[in-house]
Amino acid sequence: MVACQQDLISILLEKSTITLTGPNSIIGRAVVVHADPDDLGKGGMNLAKAQEMLVAE
């Protein structure tokens, strides 16, 4: 993965199990890149917990 000054990322991903159809389809999925490392929900108030609260209300 390579980042440039314009906040754009170039990535090359090669995986033979990824397809456009079937159970391993990539259609409808997304990749999210954050500036900080994931704390796996063990930290204080993280973005994932904040989003869960918004959905629950």
N, C-alpha and C. Protein backbone atom coordinates (compact mmCIF):
# COMPACT_ATOMS: atom_id res chain seq x y z
N MET A 1 0.85 -1.16 0.00
CA MET A 1 0.00 0.00 0.00
C MET A 1 0.90 1.23 0.00
N VAL A 2 0.58 2.19 -0.84
CA VAL A 2 1.37 3.40 -0.95
C VAL A 2 0.45 4.60 -0.82
N ALA A 3 0.77 5.53 0.08
CA ALA A 3 -0.02 6.75 0.23
C ALA A 3 0.77 7.92 -0.34
N CYS A 4 0.06 8.90 -0.88
CA CYS A 4 0.72 10.08 -1.42
C CYS A 4 0.21 11.32 -0.69
N GLN A 5 0.73 12.47 -1.06
CA GLN A 5 0.39 13.71 -0.36
C GLN A 5 -1.07 14.12 -0.55
N GLN A 6 -1.74 13.64 -1.57
CA GLN A 6 -3.14 14.01 -1.82
C GLN A 6 -4.10 13.08 -1.07
N ASP A 7 -3.61 12.32 -0.10
CA ASP A 7 -4.44 11.40 0.68
C ASP A 7 -5.08 10.32 -0.18
N LEU A 8 -4.40 9.92 -1.24
CA LEU A 8 -4.86 8.83 -2.09
C LEU A 8 -3.98 7.61 -1.84
N ILE A 9 -4.55 6.44 -1.97
CA ILE A 9 -3.82 5.20 -1.73
C ILE A 9 -3.86 4.34 -2.98
N SER A 10 -2.75 3.75 -3.29
CA SER A 10 -2.68 2.78 -4.37
C SER A 10 -2.35 1.43 -3.77
N ILE A 11 -3.18 0.43 -4.06
CA ILE A 11 -2.97 -0.90 -3.50
C ILE A 11 -3.18 -1.95 -4.58
N LEU A 12 -2.35 -2.97 -4.56
CA LEU A 12 -2.50 -4.10 -5.46
C LEU A 12 -2.79 -5.32 -4.61
N LEU A 13 -3.93 -5.94 -4.83
CA LEU A 13 -4.35 -7.10 -4.05
C LEU A 13 -4.60 -8.25 -5.01
N GLU A 14 -3.88 -9.33 -4.81
CA GLU A 14 -4.08 -10.52 -5.63
C GLU A 14 -4.46 -11.68 -4.71
N LYS A 15 -5.66 -12.20 -4.90
CA LYS A 15 -6.15 -13.29 -4.07
C LYS A 15 -7.04 -14.16 -4.94
N SER A 16 -6.70 -15.42 -5.10
CA SER A 16 -7.45 -16.28 -6.01
C SER A 16 -8.82 -16.67 -5.48
N THR A 17 -9.06 -16.52 -4.18
CA THR A 17 -10.36 -16.91 -3.62
C THR A 17 -11.39 -15.79 -3.71
N ILE A 18 -10.99 -14.61 -4.13
CA ILE A 18 -11.92 -13.48 -4.27
C ILE A 18 -12.55 -13.55 -5.66
N THR A 19 -13.88 -13.51 -5.70
CA THR A 19 -14.60 -13.58 -6.97
C THR A 19 -15.66 -12.49 -7.03
N LEU A 20 -16.28 -12.35 -8.19
CA LEU A 20 -17.38 -11.40 -8.35
C LEU A 20 -18.73 -12.03 -8.06
N THR A 21 -18.78 -13.35 -7.96
CA THR A 21 -20.02 -14.06 -7.65
C THR A 21 -19.74 -15.14 -6.62
N GLY A 22 -20.80 -15.64 -5.99
CA GLY A 22 -20.65 -16.73 -5.03
C GLY A 22 -20.37 -16.25 -3.61
N PRO A 23 -20.05 -17.19 -2.70
CA PRO A 23 -19.88 -16.85 -1.28
C PRO A 23 -18.67 -15.96 -0.98
N ASN A 24 -17.69 -15.92 -1.87
CA ASN A 24 -16.51 -15.07 -1.66
C ASN A 24 -16.56 -13.80 -2.49
N SER A 25 -17.75 -13.42 -2.95
CA SER A 25 -17.91 -12.25 -3.81
C SER A 25 -17.48 -10.97 -3.10
N ILE A 26 -16.85 -10.08 -3.85
CA ILE A 26 -16.46 -8.78 -3.28
C ILE A 26 -17.50 -7.70 -3.56
N ILE A 27 -18.54 -8.05 -4.30
CA ILE A 27 -19.60 -7.10 -4.62
C ILE A 27 -20.34 -6.71 -3.33
N GLY A 28 -20.49 -5.42 -3.09
CA GLY A 28 -21.20 -4.94 -1.91
C GLY A 28 -20.34 -4.85 -0.66
N ARG A 29 -19.05 -5.05 -0.79
CA ARG A 29 -18.15 -4.97 0.36
C ARG A 29 -17.29 -3.72 0.24
N ALA A 30 -16.68 -3.33 1.33
CA ALA A 30 -15.85 -2.13 1.33
C ALA A 30 -14.60 -2.36 2.16
N VAL A 31 -13.59 -1.54 1.91
CA VAL A 31 -12.37 -1.54 2.70
C VAL A 31 -12.27 -0.17 3.35
N VAL A 32 -12.07 -0.15 4.65
CA VAL A 32 -11.97 1.11 5.39
C VAL A 32 -10.56 1.21 5.96
N VAL A 33 -9.90 2.34 5.72
CA VAL A 33 -8.55 2.57 6.23
C VAL A 33 -8.61 3.74 7.20
N HIS A 34 -8.15 3.52 8.42
CA HIS A 34 -8.12 4.56 9.43
C HIS A 34 -6.68 5.01 9.67
N ALA A 35 -6.50 6.22 10.17
CA ALA A 35 -5.16 6.74 10.46
C ALA A 35 -4.53 6.05 11.65
N ASP A 36 -5.35 5.63 12.62
CA ASP A 36 -4.84 5.01 13.84
C ASP A 36 -5.03 3.50 13.78
N PRO A 37 -4.17 2.74 14.48
CA PRO A 37 -4.35 1.29 14.52
C PRO A 37 -5.62 0.90 15.27
N ASP A 38 -6.20 -0.22 14.91
CA ASP A 38 -7.41 -0.72 15.55
C ASP A 38 -7.08 -1.22 16.95
N ASP A 39 -7.86 -0.80 17.95
CA ASP A 39 -7.65 -1.27 19.32
C ASP A 39 -8.54 -2.48 19.62
N LEU A 40 -9.20 -3.01 18.58
CA LEU A 40 -10.06 -4.18 18.70
C LEU A 40 -11.18 -4.00 19.72
N GLY A 41 -11.62 -2.76 19.91
CA GLY A 41 -12.71 -2.48 20.83
C GLY A 41 -12.33 -2.50 22.29
N LYS A 42 -11.04 -2.59 22.60
CA LYS A 42 -10.60 -2.68 23.99
C LYS A 42 -10.27 -1.33 24.60
N GLY A 43 -10.26 -0.29 23.80
CA GLY A 43 -9.92 1.04 24.29
C GLY A 43 -11.12 1.74 24.89
N GLY A 44 -11.03 3.04 24.98
CA GLY A 44 -12.14 3.84 25.50
C GLY A 44 -13.23 3.93 24.46
N MET A 45 -13.71 5.12 24.20
CA MET A 45 -14.78 5.34 23.24
C MET A 45 -14.17 5.38 21.84
N ASN A 46 -14.28 4.29 21.10
CA ASN A 46 -13.73 4.29 19.75
C ASN A 46 -14.85 4.52 18.73
N LEU A 47 -14.48 4.65 17.48
CA LEU A 47 -15.44 4.95 16.43
C LEU A 47 -16.49 3.85 16.28
N ALA A 48 -16.08 2.60 16.40
CA ALA A 48 -17.03 1.49 16.26
C ALA A 48 -18.11 1.56 17.33
N LYS A 49 -17.73 1.84 18.57
CA LYS A 49 -18.72 1.93 19.64
C LYS A 49 -19.63 3.13 19.43
N ALA A 50 -19.09 4.23 18.94
CA ALA A 50 -19.90 5.42 18.68
C ALA A 50 -20.92 5.13 17.60
N GLN A 51 -20.54 4.40 16.56
CA GLN A 51 -21.46 4.06 15.49
C GLN A 51 -22.54 3.11 15.98
N GLU A 52 -22.18 2.17 16.85
CA GLU A 52 -23.18 1.26 17.41
C GLU A 52 -24.23 2.03 18.19
N MET A 53 -23.80 3.05 18.93
CA MET A 53 -24.74 3.85 19.71
C MET A 53 -25.68 4.60 18.79
N LEU A 54 -25.17 5.13 17.67
CA LEU A 54 -26.02 5.86 16.74
C LEU A 54 -27.05 4.94 16.09
N VAL A 55 -26.67 3.73 15.77
CA VAL A 55 -27.59 2.78 15.15
C VAL A 55 -28.66 2.35 16.13
N ALA A 56 -28.31 2.18 17.39
CA ALA A 56 -29.24 1.69 18.40
C ALA A 56 -30.31 2.71 18.75
N GLU A 57 -30.03 3.98 18.57
CA GLU A 57 -30.99 5.02 18.98
C GLU A 57 -32.12 5.18 18.01
